[in-house]
N, C-alpha and C. Protein backbone atom coordinates (compact mmCIF):
# COMPACT_ATOMS: atom_id res chain seq x y z
N MET A 1 106.89 82.13 82.27
CA MET A 1 106.92 80.58 82.45
C MET A 1 105.71 80.23 83.22
N GLN A 2 104.87 79.22 82.46
CA GLN A 2 103.53 78.54 83.25
C GLN A 2 104.27 77.56 84.14
N LYS A 3 103.37 77.52 85.31
CA LYS A 3 103.64 76.77 86.48
C LYS A 3 102.87 75.41 86.55
N ILE A 4 103.34 74.16 86.70
CA ILE A 4 102.61 73.20 86.83
C ILE A 4 103.01 72.90 88.31
N MET A 5 101.81 72.30 88.84
CA MET A 5 101.89 71.60 90.32
C MET A 5 101.62 70.40 90.15
N ILE A 6 102.64 69.58 90.83
CA ILE A 6 102.39 68.10 90.89
C ILE A 6 101.96 67.70 92.35
N ILE A 7 100.76 67.07 92.32
CA ILE A 7 100.38 66.68 93.63
C ILE A 7 100.28 65.05 93.73
N GLU A 8 101.31 64.39 94.10
CA GLU A 8 101.62 63.01 93.97
C GLU A 8 102.42 62.41 94.94
N ASP A 9 101.92 61.33 95.91
CA ASP A 9 102.67 61.05 97.04
C ASP A 9 103.95 59.93 96.78
N ASP A 10 103.89 59.41 95.43
CA ASP A 10 104.79 58.48 95.01
C ASP A 10 106.03 59.26 94.52
N PRO A 11 107.17 59.45 95.19
CA PRO A 11 108.24 60.42 94.91
C PRO A 11 108.82 60.06 93.71
N LYS A 12 108.85 58.72 93.28
CA LYS A 12 109.51 58.32 91.97
C LYS A 12 108.78 58.89 90.76
N ILE A 13 107.30 58.64 91.06
CA ILE A 13 106.36 59.08 89.95
C ILE A 13 106.60 60.68 89.74
N ALA A 14 106.38 61.31 90.97
CA ALA A 14 106.45 62.64 90.86
C ALA A 14 108.08 63.29 90.45
N GLU A 15 109.13 62.72 90.58
CA GLU A 15 110.08 63.07 90.23
C GLU A 15 110.28 62.97 88.58
N HIS A 16 109.82 61.86 88.19
CA HIS A 16 109.90 61.47 86.62
C HIS A 16 108.92 62.49 85.93
N LEU A 17 107.79 62.83 86.72
CA LEU A 17 106.70 63.77 85.93
C LEU A 17 107.53 65.17 85.96
N GLY A 18 107.96 65.53 86.98
CA GLY A 18 108.70 66.79 87.17
C GLY A 18 109.92 67.07 86.33
N SER A 19 110.77 66.13 86.25
CA SER A 19 111.73 66.04 85.22
C SER A 19 111.62 66.21 83.88
N TYR A 20 110.53 65.54 83.56
CA TYR A 20 110.15 65.54 82.09
C TYR A 20 109.41 66.94 81.63
N ILE A 21 108.56 67.27 82.59
CA ILE A 21 107.73 68.37 82.25
C ILE A 21 108.77 69.82 82.09
N SER A 22 109.74 69.77 83.25
CA SER A 22 110.88 70.84 83.29
C SER A 22 111.49 71.14 81.85
N LYS A 23 111.68 69.87 81.17
CA LYS A 23 112.53 69.84 79.88
C LYS A 23 111.80 70.91 78.81
N TYR A 24 110.54 70.85 79.07
CA TYR A 24 109.61 71.60 78.12
C TYR A 24 109.44 73.14 78.35
N GLY A 25 110.04 73.51 79.38
CA GLY A 25 110.21 74.90 79.89
C GLY A 25 109.16 75.32 80.95
N TYR A 26 108.62 74.50 81.41
CA TYR A 26 107.50 74.84 82.45
C TYR A 26 108.19 74.77 83.76
N GLU A 27 107.87 75.51 84.66
CA GLU A 27 108.29 75.45 86.11
C GLU A 27 107.34 74.68 86.82
N VAL A 28 108.17 73.76 87.77
CA VAL A 28 107.29 72.64 88.36
C VAL A 28 107.52 72.92 89.72
N VAL A 29 106.16 72.63 90.34
CA VAL A 29 106.11 72.72 91.86
C VAL A 29 105.71 71.45 92.19
N GLN A 30 106.58 70.71 93.10
CA GLN A 30 106.39 69.40 93.70
C GLN A 30 106.10 69.36 95.09
N LEU A 31 104.74 68.89 95.65
CA LEU A 31 104.61 68.84 96.79
C LEU A 31 105.32 67.79 97.51
N LEU A 32 105.90 68.23 98.73
CA LEU A 32 106.42 67.17 99.44
C LEU A 32 105.70 66.63 100.69
N GLU A 33 104.69 67.39 101.15
CA GLU A 33 103.82 67.00 102.08
C GLU A 33 102.31 67.41 101.79
N PHE A 34 101.47 66.65 102.31
CA PHE A 34 99.94 66.93 101.88
C PHE A 34 98.90 67.28 102.90
N ASN A 35 99.45 67.97 103.83
CA ASN A 35 98.39 68.38 105.00
C ASN A 35 98.03 69.78 104.56
N HIS A 36 98.76 70.56 103.76
CA HIS A 36 98.51 71.87 103.63
C HIS A 36 98.37 72.24 102.07
N VAL A 37 97.83 71.30 101.35
CA VAL A 37 97.72 71.49 99.83
C VAL A 37 97.30 72.87 99.32
N MET A 38 96.10 73.22 100.03
CA MET A 38 95.66 74.49 99.69
C MET A 38 96.49 75.76 99.93
N ASP A 39 97.36 75.62 101.12
CA ASP A 39 98.19 76.69 101.20
C ASP A 39 99.35 77.01 100.10
N GLU A 40 99.57 75.79 99.62
CA GLU A 40 100.78 75.68 98.58
C GLU A 40 100.09 76.16 97.30
N PHE A 41 99.01 75.74 97.02
CA PHE A 41 98.19 76.06 95.76
C PHE A 41 98.24 77.51 95.60
N ILE A 42 97.72 78.16 96.76
CA ILE A 42 97.27 79.67 96.79
C ILE A 42 98.68 80.38 96.78
N LYS A 43 99.82 79.80 97.37
CA LYS A 43 100.95 80.63 97.47
C LYS A 43 101.70 80.52 96.03
N HIS A 44 101.57 79.35 95.19
CA HIS A 44 102.13 79.34 94.04
C HIS A 44 101.40 79.73 92.87
N LYS A 45 100.09 79.71 92.94
CA LYS A 45 99.21 79.82 92.05
C LYS A 45 99.37 79.36 90.59
N PRO A 46 99.39 77.94 90.64
CA PRO A 46 99.92 77.31 89.16
C PRO A 46 98.91 77.24 88.20
N ALA A 47 99.27 77.21 86.98
CA ALA A 47 98.49 77.28 85.71
C ALA A 47 97.54 76.03 85.58
N LEU A 48 98.26 75.05 86.37
CA LEU A 48 97.59 73.62 85.92
C LEU A 48 98.20 72.66 86.89
N VAL A 49 97.14 71.70 87.34
CA VAL A 49 97.59 70.79 88.53
C VAL A 49 97.46 69.47 87.98
N LEU A 50 98.50 68.52 88.25
CA LEU A 50 98.53 66.93 88.06
C LEU A 50 98.07 66.49 89.47
N LEU A 51 97.02 65.76 89.76
CA LEU A 51 96.53 65.29 90.95
C LEU A 51 96.24 63.85 91.12
N ASP A 52 96.88 63.15 92.01
CA ASP A 52 96.55 61.92 92.16
C ASP A 52 95.42 61.75 93.12
N ILE A 53 94.83 60.66 93.03
CA ILE A 53 93.62 60.22 93.84
C ILE A 53 93.95 59.99 95.11
N ASN A 54 94.76 58.81 95.35
CA ASN A 54 95.13 58.31 96.51
C ASN A 54 96.13 59.11 97.44
N LEU A 55 95.97 59.96 98.31
CA LEU A 55 96.84 60.80 98.99
C LEU A 55 96.77 60.46 100.51
N PRO A 56 97.84 60.82 101.09
CA PRO A 56 97.35 60.74 102.86
C PRO A 56 96.40 61.78 103.11
N SER A 57 95.77 61.48 104.27
CA SER A 57 94.82 62.24 104.86
C SER A 57 93.55 62.34 104.07
N TYR A 58 93.66 63.20 103.07
CA TYR A 58 92.53 63.46 102.15
C TYR A 58 92.77 63.01 100.77
N ASP A 59 91.76 62.60 100.03
CA ASP A 59 92.07 62.11 98.70
C ASP A 59 92.03 63.22 97.77
N GLY A 60 92.36 62.77 96.39
CA GLY A 60 92.40 64.07 95.49
C GLY A 60 91.11 64.59 95.10
N TYR A 61 89.83 63.76 95.25
CA TYR A 61 88.78 64.25 94.99
C TYR A 61 88.26 65.45 95.90
N TYR A 62 88.73 65.19 97.10
CA TYR A 62 88.47 66.56 98.30
C TYR A 62 89.45 67.68 97.87
N TRP A 63 90.79 67.35 97.33
CA TRP A 63 91.61 68.69 97.01
C TRP A 63 91.25 69.32 95.95
N CYS A 64 90.64 68.46 94.97
CA CYS A 64 90.00 69.18 93.71
C CYS A 64 88.93 70.03 94.19
N ARG A 65 88.10 69.78 94.94
CA ARG A 65 86.91 70.50 95.28
C ARG A 65 87.33 71.92 95.97
N GLN A 66 88.57 71.60 96.69
CA GLN A 66 88.94 72.95 97.47
C GLN A 66 89.60 73.75 96.41
N ILE A 67 90.47 73.29 95.34
CA ILE A 67 91.06 74.10 94.28
C ILE A 67 89.77 74.69 93.71
N ARG A 68 88.67 74.12 93.45
CA ARG A 68 87.54 74.79 92.47
C ARG A 68 86.98 75.94 93.25
N LYS A 69 87.24 76.05 94.86
CA LYS A 69 86.80 77.13 95.39
C LYS A 69 87.57 78.52 95.19
N GLU A 70 88.90 78.04 94.61
CA GLU A 70 89.64 79.13 94.41
C GLU A 70 90.30 79.55 93.01
N SER A 71 89.93 78.61 92.31
CA SER A 71 90.43 78.69 90.73
C SER A 71 89.68 77.81 89.83
N ILE A 72 89.79 78.28 88.56
CA ILE A 72 89.29 77.32 87.51
C ILE A 72 90.57 76.92 86.66
N CYS A 73 91.69 76.74 87.21
CA CYS A 73 92.74 76.29 86.40
C CYS A 73 92.55 74.68 86.04
N PRO A 74 93.09 74.27 84.90
CA PRO A 74 92.81 73.02 84.71
C PRO A 74 93.53 71.95 85.65
N VAL A 75 92.73 70.98 86.16
CA VAL A 75 93.24 70.01 87.08
C VAL A 75 92.89 68.43 86.28
N ILE A 76 94.36 67.82 86.03
CA ILE A 76 94.26 66.64 85.39
C ILE A 76 94.62 65.51 86.42
N PHE A 77 93.67 64.47 86.81
CA PHE A 77 94.02 63.57 87.60
C PHE A 77 94.69 62.46 86.99
N ILE A 78 95.90 61.85 87.68
CA ILE A 78 96.55 60.75 87.47
C ILE A 78 96.66 59.71 88.46
N SER A 79 95.94 58.50 88.09
CA SER A 79 95.59 57.51 89.07
C SER A 79 95.73 56.14 88.48
N ALA A 80 96.10 55.14 89.49
CA ALA A 80 96.06 53.74 89.18
C ALA A 80 94.77 53.25 89.21
N ARG A 81 93.64 54.02 89.47
CA ARG A 81 92.43 53.54 89.50
C ARG A 81 91.87 53.44 87.91
N VAL A 82 91.33 52.43 87.30
CA VAL A 82 90.97 52.37 86.16
C VAL A 82 89.42 52.25 85.84
N GLY A 83 88.61 52.10 86.80
CA GLY A 83 87.18 52.11 86.91
C GLY A 83 86.52 53.16 86.30
N GLU A 84 85.26 53.04 85.64
CA GLU A 84 84.77 54.15 85.13
C GLU A 84 84.00 55.04 86.05
N MET A 85 83.83 54.49 87.08
CA MET A 85 83.07 55.42 88.38
C MET A 85 84.37 56.30 88.87
N ASP A 86 85.53 55.90 88.85
CA ASP A 86 86.65 56.80 89.53
C ASP A 86 86.91 57.97 88.35
N GLN A 87 86.65 57.54 87.11
CA GLN A 87 86.86 58.79 86.11
C GLN A 87 85.58 59.66 86.27
N VAL A 88 84.39 59.14 86.32
CA VAL A 88 83.15 59.79 86.55
C VAL A 88 83.41 60.86 87.96
N MET A 89 83.94 60.21 89.08
CA MET A 89 84.22 60.95 90.31
C MET A 89 85.01 62.10 90.00
N ALA A 90 86.18 61.78 89.30
CA ALA A 90 87.22 62.90 89.07
C ALA A 90 86.54 64.17 88.50
N LEU A 91 85.76 63.80 87.50
CA LEU A 91 84.97 64.87 86.65
C LEU A 91 83.88 65.52 87.52
N GLU A 92 83.22 64.85 88.29
CA GLU A 92 82.26 65.35 88.90
C GLU A 92 82.70 66.21 90.05
N ASN A 93 84.01 65.72 90.59
CA ASN A 93 84.40 66.69 91.70
C ASN A 93 85.28 67.92 91.30
N GLY A 94 85.19 68.31 89.68
CA GLY A 94 85.71 69.40 89.36
C GLY A 94 87.04 69.24 88.40
N GLY A 95 87.40 67.87 88.16
CA GLY A 95 88.69 67.57 87.18
C GLY A 95 88.36 67.95 85.85
N ASP A 96 89.45 68.05 85.15
CA ASP A 96 89.12 68.50 83.60
C ASP A 96 89.64 67.01 82.82
N ASP A 97 90.55 66.29 83.38
CA ASP A 97 90.66 65.27 82.71
C ASP A 97 91.35 63.93 83.45
N PHE A 98 91.55 62.89 82.90
CA PHE A 98 91.83 61.73 83.81
C PHE A 98 92.98 61.04 83.08
N ILE A 99 94.04 60.76 83.55
CA ILE A 99 94.96 59.75 82.95
C ILE A 99 95.27 58.70 83.80
N THR A 100 95.34 57.37 83.27
CA THR A 100 95.53 56.02 84.14
C THR A 100 97.09 55.83 84.29
N LYS A 101 97.32 55.39 85.46
CA LYS A 101 98.69 54.82 85.62
C LYS A 101 98.81 53.25 85.01
N PRO A 102 99.82 52.71 84.50
CA PRO A 102 100.93 53.34 84.14
C PRO A 102 100.71 54.14 82.82
N PHE A 103 101.39 55.25 82.77
CA PHE A 103 100.98 56.17 81.56
C PHE A 103 102.14 56.48 80.63
N HIS A 104 102.00 56.78 79.52
CA HIS A 104 103.14 57.22 78.54
C HIS A 104 103.25 58.71 78.85
N ILE A 105 104.51 59.14 79.17
CA ILE A 105 104.76 60.69 79.46
C ILE A 105 104.19 61.38 78.37
N GLU A 106 104.56 61.04 77.27
CA GLU A 106 104.16 61.81 75.93
C GLU A 106 102.70 62.19 75.88
N VAL A 107 102.03 61.50 76.41
CA VAL A 107 100.59 61.33 76.53
C VAL A 107 100.25 62.65 77.53
N VAL A 108 100.97 62.39 78.77
CA VAL A 108 100.58 63.49 79.91
C VAL A 108 101.18 64.88 79.22
N MET A 109 102.17 64.97 78.56
CA MET A 109 102.64 66.24 77.94
C MET A 109 101.69 66.73 76.99
N ALA A 110 101.11 66.05 76.17
CA ALA A 110 100.22 66.37 75.12
C ALA A 110 98.95 66.88 75.65
N LYS A 111 98.52 66.24 76.90
CA LYS A 111 97.20 66.81 77.62
C LYS A 111 97.53 67.92 78.34
N ILE A 112 98.72 68.14 79.01
CA ILE A 112 99.04 69.32 79.62
C ILE A 112 99.10 70.55 78.78
N ARG A 113 99.64 70.33 77.40
CA ARG A 113 99.83 71.37 76.32
C ARG A 113 98.40 71.81 76.00
N SER A 114 97.43 70.77 75.60
CA SER A 114 96.25 71.00 75.29
C SER A 114 95.38 71.72 76.24
N HIS A 115 95.28 71.37 77.51
CA HIS A 115 94.68 72.20 78.50
C HIS A 115 95.19 73.52 78.61
N LEU A 116 96.48 73.66 78.60
CA LEU A 116 96.88 75.13 78.63
C LEU A 116 96.51 76.05 77.48
N ARG A 117 96.54 75.39 76.27
CA ARG A 117 96.04 75.98 75.40
C ARG A 117 94.57 76.61 75.42
N ARG A 118 93.75 75.40 75.94
CA ARG A 118 92.29 75.86 76.02
C ARG A 118 92.08 76.87 77.12
N ALA A 119 92.83 76.76 78.20
CA ALA A 119 92.47 77.55 79.26
C ALA A 119 93.00 78.97 79.22
N TYR A 120 94.25 79.03 78.63
CA TYR A 120 94.82 80.44 78.50
C TYR A 120 95.17 81.00 77.15
N GLY A 121 95.91 80.05 76.19
CA GLY A 121 96.34 80.71 75.08
C GLY A 121 95.36 81.36 74.04
N GLU A 122 94.01 80.85 73.97
CA GLU A 122 93.11 81.36 73.02
C GLU A 122 92.63 82.66 73.68
N TYR A 123 92.64 82.96 74.74
CA TYR A 123 92.08 84.25 75.32
C TYR A 123 93.12 85.18 75.65
N ALA A 124 94.31 84.77 75.62
CA ALA A 124 95.29 85.78 76.03
C ALA A 124 95.58 86.91 74.95
N ILE A 125 95.39 86.76 73.84
CA ILE A 125 95.40 87.71 72.80
C ILE A 125 94.15 88.68 72.61
N LYS A 126 93.38 88.47 73.33
CA LYS A 126 91.96 89.10 73.03
C LYS A 126 92.11 90.31 73.94
N THR A 127 91.53 91.41 73.33
CA THR A 127 91.46 92.68 74.17
C THR A 127 89.96 93.20 74.11
N GLU A 128 89.00 92.60 73.47
CA GLU A 128 87.81 93.03 73.62
C GLU A 128 86.94 91.77 74.27
N GLU A 129 86.03 91.91 75.28
CA GLU A 129 85.24 90.78 75.63
C GLU A 129 84.27 90.55 74.78
N ARG A 130 84.07 89.35 74.52
CA ARG A 130 83.03 88.57 73.67
C ARG A 130 81.92 88.47 74.47
N ILE A 131 80.66 88.56 74.03
CA ILE A 131 79.36 88.32 74.64
C ILE A 131 78.46 87.75 73.47
N ILE A 132 77.84 86.58 74.09
CA ILE A 132 76.95 85.84 73.08
C ILE A 132 75.78 85.87 73.83
N ASP A 133 74.50 86.54 72.98
CA ASP A 133 73.15 86.56 73.65
C ASP A 133 72.28 85.76 72.74
N LEU A 134 71.57 84.83 73.11
CA LEU A 134 70.54 84.04 72.41
C LEU A 134 69.34 83.98 73.39
N ALA A 135 68.54 84.85 72.83
CA ALA A 135 67.08 84.97 73.38
C ALA A 135 67.03 85.30 74.86
N GLY A 136 67.91 86.32 75.20
CA GLY A 136 68.07 86.82 76.69
C GLY A 136 69.03 85.84 77.35
N LEU A 137 69.55 84.88 76.97
CA LEU A 137 70.43 84.01 77.74
C LEU A 137 71.97 84.65 77.31
N ILE A 138 72.61 84.95 78.22
CA ILE A 138 74.03 85.75 78.00
C ILE A 138 75.13 84.88 78.45
N PHE A 139 76.18 84.81 77.72
CA PHE A 139 77.26 83.95 77.90
C PHE A 139 78.47 84.63 77.56
N TYR A 140 79.38 84.79 78.67
CA TYR A 140 80.51 85.43 78.70
C TYR A 140 81.78 84.62 78.65
N PRO A 141 82.32 84.21 77.50
CA PRO A 141 83.28 83.24 77.24
C PRO A 141 84.58 83.64 78.07
N GLU A 142 84.86 84.74 78.22
CA GLU A 142 86.12 84.95 78.78
C GLU A 142 86.04 84.91 80.52
N ARG A 143 84.75 85.05 80.79
CA ARG A 143 84.54 85.19 82.15
C ARG A 143 84.13 83.92 82.81
N LEU A 144 83.73 82.83 81.85
CA LEU A 144 83.43 81.56 82.20
C LEU A 144 82.07 81.86 82.98
N GLU A 145 81.12 82.68 82.45
CA GLU A 145 80.02 83.07 83.16
C GLU A 145 78.71 82.79 82.16
N LEU A 146 77.69 82.56 82.68
CA LEU A 146 76.31 82.26 81.86
C LEU A 146 75.28 83.13 82.97
N ALA A 147 74.53 83.91 82.11
CA ALA A 147 73.38 84.64 83.11
C ALA A 147 72.26 84.73 82.33
N TYR A 148 71.19 84.56 83.07
CA TYR A 148 69.80 84.72 82.60
C TYR A 148 68.96 85.43 83.72
N ARG A 149 68.24 86.56 83.19
CA ARG A 149 67.55 87.36 84.11
C ARG A 149 68.55 87.88 84.97
N SER A 150 68.06 87.64 86.48
CA SER A 150 68.82 88.22 87.43
C SER A 150 69.91 87.30 88.08
N LYS A 151 70.08 86.02 87.43
CA LYS A 151 71.13 85.22 87.97
C LYS A 151 72.22 84.85 86.98
N THR A 152 73.43 84.83 87.78
CA THR A 152 74.54 84.63 86.98
C THR A 152 75.31 83.50 87.56
N ILE A 153 75.87 82.46 87.01
CA ILE A 153 76.54 81.32 87.42
C ILE A 153 77.89 81.17 86.90
N THR A 154 78.84 80.65 87.58
CA THR A 154 80.19 80.44 86.87
C THR A 154 80.33 78.84 86.47
N LEU A 155 81.05 78.73 85.33
CA LEU A 155 81.28 77.55 84.73
C LEU A 155 82.59 77.13 84.71
N SER A 156 82.74 75.78 84.68
CA SER A 156 84.13 75.33 84.39
C SER A 156 84.41 75.46 82.90
N LYS A 157 85.75 75.22 82.39
CA LYS A 157 86.25 75.42 81.26
C LYS A 157 85.45 74.51 80.22
N LYS A 158 85.16 73.44 80.56
CA LYS A 158 84.68 72.39 79.65
C LYS A 158 83.31 72.62 79.58
N GLU A 159 82.43 73.01 80.51
CA GLU A 159 81.15 73.52 80.41
C GLU A 159 80.92 74.72 79.61
N ALA A 160 81.90 75.66 79.72
CA ALA A 160 82.03 76.79 78.87
C ALA A 160 82.14 76.46 77.39
N ASP A 161 82.92 75.67 77.06
CA ASP A 161 83.15 75.24 75.68
C ASP A 161 81.97 74.63 75.07
N ILE A 162 81.28 73.75 75.97
CA ILE A 162 80.03 73.07 75.44
C ILE A 162 78.85 74.00 75.20
N ILE A 163 78.80 75.02 76.09
CA ILE A 163 77.80 75.87 75.80
C ILE A 163 78.13 76.93 74.50
N GLU A 164 79.39 77.44 74.47
CA GLU A 164 79.72 78.10 73.37
C GLU A 164 79.44 77.48 72.04
N ILE A 165 79.80 76.33 71.76
CA ILE A 165 79.70 75.62 70.56
C ILE A 165 78.22 75.27 70.25
N LEU A 166 77.40 75.26 71.34
CA LEU A 166 76.02 74.94 71.15
C LEU A 166 75.21 76.26 70.78
N MET A 167 75.70 77.27 71.49
CA MET A 167 75.10 78.40 71.05
C MET A 167 75.34 79.10 69.85
N GLU A 168 76.63 78.87 69.40
CA GLU A 168 77.10 79.28 68.05
C GLU A 168 76.49 78.54 66.87
N ARG A 169 76.26 77.32 67.21
CA ARG A 169 75.53 76.47 65.89
C ARG A 169 74.15 76.48 66.06
N TYR A 170 73.47 77.07 67.23
CA TYR A 170 72.01 76.96 67.22
C TYR A 170 71.29 77.56 65.92
N PRO A 171 70.27 77.14 65.29
CA PRO A 171 69.46 75.93 65.79
C PRO A 171 70.03 74.46 65.15
N ARG A 172 71.37 74.65 64.65
CA ARG A 172 71.92 73.13 64.08
C ARG A 172 72.24 72.44 65.25
N VAL A 173 72.43 71.06 64.75
CA VAL A 173 72.84 69.95 65.73
C VAL A 173 74.30 69.98 65.85
N THR A 174 74.98 69.96 67.13
CA THR A 174 76.38 69.86 67.00
C THR A 174 76.78 68.34 67.41
N GLY A 175 77.58 67.79 66.31
CA GLY A 175 77.88 66.32 66.69
C GLY A 175 78.75 66.13 67.87
N ARG A 176 78.75 64.78 68.17
CA ARG A 176 79.52 64.34 69.32
C ARG A 176 81.16 64.56 68.92
N GLU A 177 81.32 64.28 67.61
CA GLU A 177 82.86 64.45 67.32
C GLU A 177 83.33 65.94 67.37
N ASP A 178 82.40 66.65 67.06
CA ASP A 178 82.63 68.12 67.00
C ASP A 178 82.91 68.43 68.49
N LEU A 179 82.16 68.14 69.33
CA LEU A 179 82.37 68.54 70.86
C LEU A 179 83.75 67.80 71.25
N LEU A 180 84.17 66.63 70.79
CA LEU A 180 85.26 65.96 71.26
C LEU A 180 86.48 66.77 70.64
N GLU A 181 86.45 67.24 69.53
CA GLU A 181 87.56 67.82 69.12
C GLU A 181 87.66 69.40 69.70
N LYS A 182 86.41 69.94 70.07
CA LYS A 182 86.55 71.39 70.65
C LYS A 182 87.21 71.29 72.24
N LEU A 183 86.70 69.90 72.82
CA LEU A 183 87.05 70.01 74.41
C LEU A 183 88.42 69.28 74.59
N TRP A 184 88.75 68.23 73.51
CA TRP A 184 89.90 67.63 73.81
C TRP A 184 90.65 67.58 72.45
N ASP A 185 91.92 67.85 72.35
CA ASP A 185 92.66 67.83 71.20
C ASP A 185 92.86 66.25 70.78
N GLU A 186 93.30 65.52 71.93
CA GLU A 186 93.69 64.13 71.53
C GLU A 186 92.35 63.19 71.94
N GLN A 187 91.63 63.11 70.73
CA GLN A 187 90.41 62.32 70.85
C GLN A 187 90.47 61.03 71.16
N ALA A 188 91.76 60.36 70.89
CA ALA A 188 91.95 59.04 71.07
C ALA A 188 91.83 58.47 72.38
N TYR A 189 92.24 59.47 73.29
CA TYR A 189 92.40 59.12 74.63
C TYR A 189 91.11 59.63 75.50
N VAL A 190 90.02 59.78 74.72
CA VAL A 190 88.72 60.16 75.38
C VAL A 190 87.60 59.17 75.24
N ASP A 191 86.81 58.64 76.36
CA ASP A 191 85.96 57.76 75.95
C ASP A 191 84.53 58.48 75.84
N GLU A 192 83.54 57.81 75.45
CA GLU A 192 82.32 58.31 75.44
C GLU A 192 81.57 58.77 76.71
N ASN A 193 82.13 58.10 77.68
CA ASN A 193 81.32 58.31 78.98
C ASN A 193 81.95 59.53 79.51
N THR A 194 83.13 59.90 79.18
CA THR A 194 83.64 61.28 79.66
C THR A 194 82.98 62.31 79.12
N LEU A 195 82.51 62.38 77.69
CA LEU A 195 81.69 63.39 77.06
C LEU A 195 80.40 63.55 77.87
N ASN A 196 79.74 62.30 78.07
CA ASN A 196 78.48 62.19 78.85
C ASN A 196 78.27 62.91 79.89
N VAL A 197 79.52 62.50 80.82
CA VAL A 197 79.56 63.41 82.01
C VAL A 197 79.47 64.80 82.00
N ASN A 198 80.23 65.45 81.01
CA ASN A 198 80.38 66.82 81.00
C ASN A 198 79.11 67.49 80.24
N ILE A 199 78.47 66.73 79.65
CA ILE A 199 77.07 66.97 79.00
C ILE A 199 76.17 67.15 80.27
N THR A 200 76.15 66.27 81.07
CA THR A 200 75.36 66.04 82.24
C THR A 200 75.58 67.15 83.20
N ARG A 201 76.96 67.55 83.39
CA ARG A 201 77.26 68.65 84.37
C ARG A 201 76.76 70.24 83.77
N THR A 202 76.81 70.09 82.41
CA THR A 202 76.44 71.39 81.84
C THR A 202 75.05 71.75 81.76
N ARG A 203 74.11 70.43 81.73
CA ARG A 203 72.81 70.62 81.89
C ARG A 203 72.32 71.08 83.36
N LYS A 204 73.09 70.66 84.37
CA LYS A 204 72.73 71.13 85.43
C LYS A 204 73.10 72.52 85.94
N LYS A 205 74.09 73.38 84.96
CA LYS A 205 74.22 74.43 85.19
C LYS A 205 72.93 75.22 84.71
N PHE A 206 72.47 74.90 83.55
CA PHE A 206 71.10 75.41 82.99
C PHE A 206 70.19 75.27 84.26
N GLN A 207 69.94 74.26 84.80
CA GLN A 207 69.02 74.12 85.95
C GLN A 207 69.40 75.29 87.07
N ASP A 208 70.53 75.53 87.30
CA ASP A 208 70.78 76.25 88.09
C ASP A 208 70.25 77.79 87.95
N LEU A 209 69.95 77.99 86.76
CA LEU A 209 69.53 79.25 86.17
C LEU A 209 67.72 78.97 85.89
N ASP A 210 67.41 78.08 86.53
CA ASP A 210 66.07 77.59 86.22
C ASP A 210 65.60 77.46 85.21
N ILE A 211 66.32 76.74 84.12
CA ILE A 211 66.37 76.59 82.73
C ILE A 211 66.15 75.04 82.70
N GLU A 212 65.07 74.38 82.23
CA GLU A 212 64.96 73.01 82.05
C GLU A 212 65.03 72.37 80.58
N ASN A 213 65.59 71.28 80.41
CA ASN A 213 65.66 70.78 79.21
C ASN A 213 66.40 71.61 77.90
N ALA A 214 67.36 72.42 78.46
CA ALA A 214 68.01 73.16 77.37
C ALA A 214 68.86 72.55 76.42
N ILE A 215 69.36 71.43 76.70
CA ILE A 215 70.34 70.46 75.84
C ILE A 215 69.51 69.45 75.30
N GLU A 216 69.09 69.20 74.08
CA GLU A 216 68.29 68.35 73.61
C GLU A 216 69.39 67.10 73.08
N THR A 217 68.92 65.89 73.28
CA THR A 217 69.94 64.92 72.71
C THR A 217 69.29 64.54 71.34
N VAL A 218 69.96 64.69 70.23
CA VAL A 218 69.44 64.25 68.91
C VAL A 218 70.09 62.79 68.63
N ARG A 219 69.05 61.87 68.88
CA ARG A 219 69.57 60.39 68.67
C ARG A 219 70.41 60.14 67.38
N GLY A 220 71.72 59.66 67.57
CA GLY A 220 72.37 59.34 66.44
C GLY A 220 73.04 60.31 65.84
N ALA A 221 72.97 61.55 66.08
CA ALA A 221 73.52 62.83 65.77
C ALA A 221 74.48 63.45 66.70
N GLY A 222 73.91 63.92 67.83
CA GLY A 222 74.70 64.72 68.49
C GLY A 222 73.78 65.48 69.74
N TYR A 223 74.02 66.93 69.89
CA TYR A 223 73.05 67.54 70.80
C TYR A 223 72.64 68.82 70.03
N ARG A 224 71.74 69.76 70.62
CA ARG A 224 71.20 70.86 70.03
C ARG A 224 70.55 71.44 71.42
N LEU A 225 70.85 72.91 71.11
CA LEU A 225 70.29 73.95 72.08
C LEU A 225 68.82 73.91 71.88
N HIS A 226 68.13 73.96 72.98
CA HIS A 226 66.55 73.92 72.72
C HIS A 226 66.14 74.98 73.71
N ILE A 227 65.69 76.28 73.01
CA ILE A 227 65.30 77.63 73.82
C ILE A 227 64.09 77.35 74.56
N THR A 228 64.23 76.65 75.56
CA THR A 228 62.87 76.32 76.54
C THR A 228 62.76 77.62 77.51
N TRP A 229 63.84 78.43 77.63
CA TRP A 229 63.40 79.56 78.44
C TRP A 229 62.46 80.72 77.96
N VAL A 230 62.66 80.61 76.67
CA VAL A 230 61.49 81.68 75.93
C VAL A 230 60.33 81.05 76.15
N GLU A 231 59.93 79.73 75.68
CA GLU A 231 58.71 79.26 75.95
C GLU A 231 58.19 79.62 77.40
N VAL A 232 58.82 79.47 78.41
CA VAL A 232 58.48 79.56 79.83
C VAL A 232 58.00 81.05 79.81
N VAL A 233 58.95 82.04 79.41
CA VAL A 233 58.56 83.41 79.54
C VAL A 233 57.05 83.60 78.87
N GLU A 234 56.76 83.15 77.75
CA GLU A 234 55.69 83.39 76.99
C GLU A 234 54.52 82.87 77.65
N GLU A 235 54.60 81.87 78.36
CA GLU A 235 53.48 81.36 79.13
C GLU A 235 53.02 82.20 80.06
């Protein structure tokens, strides 16, 4: 039974979420105090976290950063904040998705199921590790790792999904709709800015490997992987 942790200081909202999620066969862990969030997270090891932004003492952005030091489990922010920058901040601090209050509980459940499939279901049945090698750039989908020369970096699930589809379709262009379909099952609830933020974060991961301009924007079409690292070697 997969475990869902709810970090929400409004008891009515937390109870509403917990009661509904439990009906679908998930085990729910609902935090009652918020000074030791990470102690509870490490204790329960949830498969997914629903995280509010406005919390006592430390906000949700802080706790998401702490979670990312321990786990790559999906984190879905649920907040009454509706500004674009709030969504950007949620993603930049390690979140995987953002739902605004008031919300439709069916949408929350759809996103929970989608993220659990993306994070665990696809890979659970695989027994042999996949390795994608493109001109010396090595991608390990199951490890969520990208390696070049002597450096190896860890990716978020969204970053790994973007890199995987770009590498698999190289040298073809990957359309924005194709990326949205791979990253989010419910495209209707994802705006353009959310994809832009994830592309920016993925570009930064290439930079962490000392690779510049690896993701090319093809105006009006989408994105294409540009093997700039080979050009650097040849120079």
